[in-house]
N, C-alpha and C. Protein backbone atom coordinates (compact mmCIF):
# COMPACT_ATOMS: atom_id res chain seq x y z
N MET A 1 173.60 66.10 74.94
CA MET A 1 172.61 66.44 74.65
C MET A 1 171.74 66.15 76.08
N ASN A 2 171.18 67.30 76.83
CA ASN A 2 170.92 66.74 78.29
C ASN A 2 169.41 66.43 77.79
N PRO A 3 168.79 65.47 78.44
CA PRO A 3 167.45 65.12 78.47
C PRO A 3 166.31 66.22 78.79
N ILE A 4 165.14 65.84 78.08
CA ILE A 4 164.54 67.17 78.51
C ILE A 4 163.99 67.02 79.94
N PRO A 5 163.82 68.43 80.63
CA PRO A 5 163.38 68.20 81.78
C PRO A 5 162.21 67.65 82.36
N LEU A 6 161.89 67.16 83.46
CA LEU A 6 160.71 66.38 84.31
C LEU A 6 159.64 67.67 84.09
N GLU A 7 160.19 69.02 84.37
CA GLU A 7 159.18 69.84 84.30
C GLU A 7 158.40 70.51 83.16
N ASP A 8 159.67 70.32 82.06
CA ASP A 8 158.73 70.48 80.48
C ASP A 8 157.85 69.20 80.23
N LEU A 9 158.65 68.07 80.94
CA LEU A 9 157.55 66.88 80.35
C LEU A 9 156.19 67.18 81.10
N ALA A 10 155.95 67.70 82.59
CA ALA A 10 154.75 67.90 82.95
C ALA A 10 153.91 68.62 82.33
N LEU A 11 155.02 69.92 81.72
CA LEU A 11 154.08 71.08 80.96
C LEU A 11 153.39 70.46 79.91
N LEU A 12 154.28 69.67 79.04
CA LEU A 12 153.93 69.20 77.92
C LEU A 12 152.55 68.40 77.84
N GLU A 13 152.33 67.64 79.07
CA GLU A 13 151.22 66.70 79.46
C GLU A 13 149.98 67.51 79.81
N LEU A 14 150.28 68.40 80.64
CA LEU A 14 149.16 69.46 80.74
C LEU A 14 148.43 70.34 79.74
N LEU A 15 149.58 70.89 78.37
CA LEU A 15 149.09 71.13 77.51
C LEU A 15 148.15 70.30 76.30
N LEU A 16 148.76 69.12 76.71
CA LEU A 16 148.11 67.79 75.59
C LEU A 16 146.77 67.66 76.27
N ARG A 17 146.67 67.84 77.92
CA ARG A 17 145.37 67.60 78.51
C ARG A 17 144.11 68.68 77.78
N ILE A 18 144.66 69.75 78.20
CA ILE A 18 144.29 70.92 77.62
C ILE A 18 143.65 70.94 76.18
N ASP A 19 144.67 70.62 75.54
CA ASP A 19 144.06 70.60 74.02
C ASP A 19 143.13 69.27 73.52
N GLN A 20 143.23 68.44 74.34
CA GLN A 20 142.10 67.03 74.21
C GLN A 20 140.99 67.51 75.03
N ARG A 21 140.81 68.50 76.05
CA ARG A 21 139.64 69.16 76.75
C ARG A 21 139.48 67.88 77.59
N VAL A 22 140.45 67.39 78.34
CA VAL A 22 140.78 66.39 79.32
C VAL A 22 140.07 66.98 80.75
N ASP A 23 139.36 66.87 81.31
CA ASP A 23 139.02 67.43 82.53
C ASP A 23 140.45 67.37 83.49
N LEU A 24 140.32 68.36 83.74
CA LEU A 24 141.71 69.06 84.88
C LEU A 24 141.35 68.75 86.16
N SER A 25 142.27 68.72 87.07
CA SER A 25 141.99 68.07 88.41
C SER A 25 142.45 69.95 88.89
N GLU A 26 141.94 69.55 90.26
CA GLU A 26 142.00 71.10 90.97
C GLU A 26 143.43 71.32 91.66
N GLY A 27 144.46 70.34 91.52
CA GLY A 27 145.52 70.49 92.02
C GLY A 27 146.23 71.61 90.30
N ASP A 28 145.45 71.52 89.43
CA ASP A 28 146.07 72.05 88.03
C ASP A 28 145.37 73.61 87.66
N THR A 29 144.88 74.15 88.95
CA THR A 29 143.99 75.41 88.95
C THR A 29 145.29 76.53 88.63
N ASP A 30 146.23 76.26 89.55
CA ASP A 30 147.24 77.01 89.71
C ASP A 30 148.19 77.34 88.74
N ILE A 31 148.54 76.07 88.03
CA ILE A 31 148.95 75.86 86.87
C ILE A 31 148.50 76.62 85.77
N VAL A 32 147.27 76.50 85.65
CA VAL A 32 146.69 77.04 84.54
C VAL A 32 146.78 78.17 84.29
N SER A 33 146.09 78.79 85.95
CA SER A 33 146.32 80.48 85.97
C SER A 33 147.83 81.06 85.64
N ARG A 34 148.73 80.48 85.59
CA ARG A 34 149.72 80.66 84.95
C ARG A 34 150.08 80.73 83.91
N LEU A 35 149.42 79.46 83.07
CA LEU A 35 149.48 79.62 81.88
C LEU A 35 148.72 80.82 80.80
N VAL A 36 147.92 81.13 81.69
CA VAL A 36 147.23 81.80 81.13
C VAL A 36 147.60 83.25 81.06
N ASP A 37 148.41 83.53 82.25
CA ASP A 37 149.16 84.81 82.10
C ASP A 37 150.16 84.69 81.56
N SER A 38 150.79 83.79 81.08
CA SER A 38 151.84 83.75 80.07
C SER A 38 151.14 83.50 78.72
N GLY A 39 150.18 83.70 78.48
CA GLY A 39 149.70 83.91 77.10
C GLY A 39 149.58 82.37 76.19
N LEU A 40 149.89 81.20 77.10
CA LEU A 40 150.02 79.80 76.21
C LEU A 40 148.36 79.27 76.63
N VAL A 41 147.52 79.64 77.17
CA VAL A 41 146.34 79.43 77.39
C VAL A 41 145.23 80.59 78.13
N GLU A 42 144.15 80.40 76.80
CA GLU A 42 143.05 81.20 77.33
C GLU A 42 141.78 80.76 77.87
N GLN A 43 141.19 81.19 78.78
CA GLN A 43 139.65 80.66 79.21
C GLN A 43 138.57 81.24 78.91
N THR A 44 137.98 80.39 78.19
CA THR A 44 136.55 81.04 77.55
C THR A 44 135.37 80.17 77.99
N ASP A 45 134.47 80.84 79.21
CA ASP A 45 133.21 80.21 79.51
C ASP A 45 133.99 78.91 80.21
N GLY A 46 134.72 79.43 81.16
CA GLY A 46 135.26 78.33 81.96
C GLY A 46 136.06 77.18 81.57
N GLU A 47 136.27 77.11 80.19
CA GLU A 47 137.01 76.34 79.00
C GLU A 47 138.60 76.85 78.99
N ALA A 48 139.33 76.00 79.32
CA ALA A 48 140.97 76.48 79.07
C ALA A 48 141.17 75.97 77.28
N MET A 49 141.74 77.04 76.72
CA MET A 49 142.03 76.63 75.48
C MET A 49 143.43 76.98 75.25
N LEU A 50 144.01 76.10 74.49
CA LEU A 50 145.27 76.60 73.82
C LEU A 50 145.51 78.01 72.87
N THR A 51 146.08 78.67 72.74
CA THR A 51 146.56 79.94 72.29
C THR A 51 147.56 79.43 71.15
N ALA A 52 147.80 80.23 70.23
CA ALA A 52 148.94 79.82 68.75
C ALA A 52 149.99 79.78 69.49
N ALA A 53 150.20 80.64 70.30
CA ALA A 53 151.58 80.46 71.37
C ALA A 53 151.54 78.46 72.22
N GLY A 54 150.42 78.57 72.87
CA GLY A 54 150.66 77.27 73.40
C GLY A 54 150.43 76.30 72.23
N ILE A 55 149.95 76.57 71.41
CA ILE A 55 150.21 75.44 70.29
C ILE A 55 151.59 75.34 69.97
N GLU A 56 152.18 76.30 69.51
CA GLU A 56 153.56 75.74 69.28
C GLU A 56 154.56 75.85 70.33
N MET A 57 154.11 75.85 71.79
CA MET A 57 154.90 75.58 72.79
C MET A 57 154.74 73.95 72.83
N CYS A 58 153.58 73.13 72.95
CA CYS A 58 153.19 71.84 72.58
C CYS A 58 153.88 71.28 71.62
N LYS A 59 154.12 71.81 70.19
CA LYS A 59 154.63 71.15 69.07
C LYS A 59 156.57 71.08 69.45
N SER A 60 156.77 72.17 70.30
CA SER A 60 158.19 72.19 70.47
C SER A 60 158.60 70.99 71.58
N LEU A 61 157.79 71.42 72.51
CA LEU A 61 158.30 70.07 73.42
C LEU A 61 157.94 68.70 72.99
N GLN A 62 156.83 68.77 72.12
CA GLN A 62 156.76 67.30 71.52
C GLN A 62 157.67 66.91 70.58
N HIS A 63 158.36 67.91 70.04
CA HIS A 63 159.53 67.55 69.04
C HIS A 63 160.38 66.96 69.84
N ARG A 64 160.73 68.09 71.05
CA ARG A 64 162.14 67.47 72.14
C ARG A 64 161.93 66.35 72.79
N ALA A 65 160.77 66.15 72.85
CA ALA A 65 160.73 64.97 73.74
C ALA A 65 160.87 63.44 72.52
N ALA A 66 160.69 63.58 71.53
CA ALA A 66 160.73 62.89 70.11
C ALA A 66 161.97 62.88 69.81
N ALA A 67 163.00 63.62 69.68
CA ALA A 67 164.08 63.56 69.55
C ALA A 67 164.87 62.86 70.65
N ASP A 68 164.56 63.30 72.05
CA ASP A 68 165.50 62.69 73.05
C ASP A 68 165.21 60.92 73.10
N GLU A 69 164.02 60.85 72.61
CA GLU A 69 163.51 59.24 72.39
C GLU A 69 164.53 58.65 71.73
N GLN A 70 164.35 59.27 70.09
CA GLN A 70 165.53 58.90 68.91
C GLN A 70 166.87 58.87 69.52
N ALA A 71 167.41 59.77 70.20
CA ALA A 71 169.02 59.67 70.69
C ALA A 71 168.63 58.49 71.62
N GLU A 72 168.05 58.32 72.61
CA GLU A 72 168.00 57.00 73.30
C GLU A 72 168.29 55.94 72.77
N ARG A 73 167.26 55.53 71.59
CA ARG A 73 167.58 54.32 71.06
C ARG A 73 168.66 54.40 70.29
N ILE A 74 169.11 55.17 70.01
CA ILE A 74 170.64 55.34 69.04
C ILE A 74 171.53 54.92 69.89
N LEU A 75 171.70 55.43 71.09
CA LEU A 75 172.65 54.96 72.06
C LEU A 75 172.42 53.59 72.65
N ARG A 76 171.58 53.38 72.67
CA ARG A 76 171.24 51.68 73.20
C ARG A 76 171.49 50.77 71.74
N GLN A 77 171.58 51.16 70.82
CA GLN A 77 172.08 50.46 69.69
C GLN A 77 173.56 50.48 69.48
N ARG A 78 173.88 51.40 69.84
CA ARG A 78 175.52 51.63 70.10
C ARG A 78 176.16 50.58 70.91
N GLU A 79 175.41 50.92 71.92
CA GLU A 79 175.93 50.18 73.18
C GLU A 79 175.95 48.59 72.85
N SER A 80 174.76 48.11 72.22
CA SER A 80 174.64 46.91 72.13
C SER A 80 175.40 46.14 71.18
N THR A 81 175.77 47.05 69.81
CA THR A 81 176.84 46.97 69.09
C THR A 81 178.16 46.75 69.40
N ASP A 82 178.40 47.64 70.53
CA ASP A 82 180.02 47.66 70.93
C ASP A 82 180.02 46.13 72.09
N LYS A 83 179.16 46.04 72.59
CA LYS A 83 179.22 44.66 73.71
C LYS A 83 179.23 43.45 72.65
N SER A 84 178.49 43.39 71.79
CA SER A 84 178.67 42.31 70.71
C SER A 84 179.90 42.18 69.93
N THR A 85 180.69 43.45 69.67
CA THR A 85 181.85 43.18 68.90
C THR A 85 182.98 43.41 70.04
N ASP A 86 182.90 43.58 71.41
CA ASP A 86 184.07 43.71 71.87
C ASP A 86 184.80 42.30 71.75
N GLY A 87 186.32 42.43 71.73
CA GLY A 87 186.95 41.45 71.67
C GLY A 87 187.06 40.95 70.29
N ALA A 88 186.22 41.27 69.74
CA ALA A 88 185.95 40.21 68.15
C ALA A 88 187.37 40.27 67.42
N GLY A 89 187.73 39.78 66.69
CA GLY A 89 188.80 39.81 65.64
C GLY A 89 190.32 40.23 66.45
N LEU A 90 190.54 39.97 67.76
CA LEU A 90 191.41 39.83 68.50
C LEU A 90 192.01 38.57 68.82
N PRO A 91 193.37 38.25 68.50
CA PRO A 91 194.10 37.17 68.79
C PRO A 91 193.40 36.29 70.18
N GLN A 92 193.42 35.31 70.35
CA GLN A 92 193.44 34.80 71.65
C GLN A 92 194.68 34.18 72.48
N VAL A 93 194.51 34.89 73.35
CA VAL A 93 195.85 34.55 74.41
C VAL A 93 196.08 33.23 75.19
């Protein structure tokens, strides 16, 4: 399984900031316009809000990020278990 791309993590961060009504920076203006065009965000009275599609995208990205974190933890546990059992039970020469 490939880790979640950085672009998706950046999108998730921006969607969460919009959802939490955090002030957006000037650099976010272009991407917010693209999100409006794609139907993920709507702007009313100058305030950006997630649409139903934006909420679903946000949930999907959150689940993907959480699954990646869980997979990473499992891999680290397996590696530490493998390292601790390397050579165990083998006769000494």
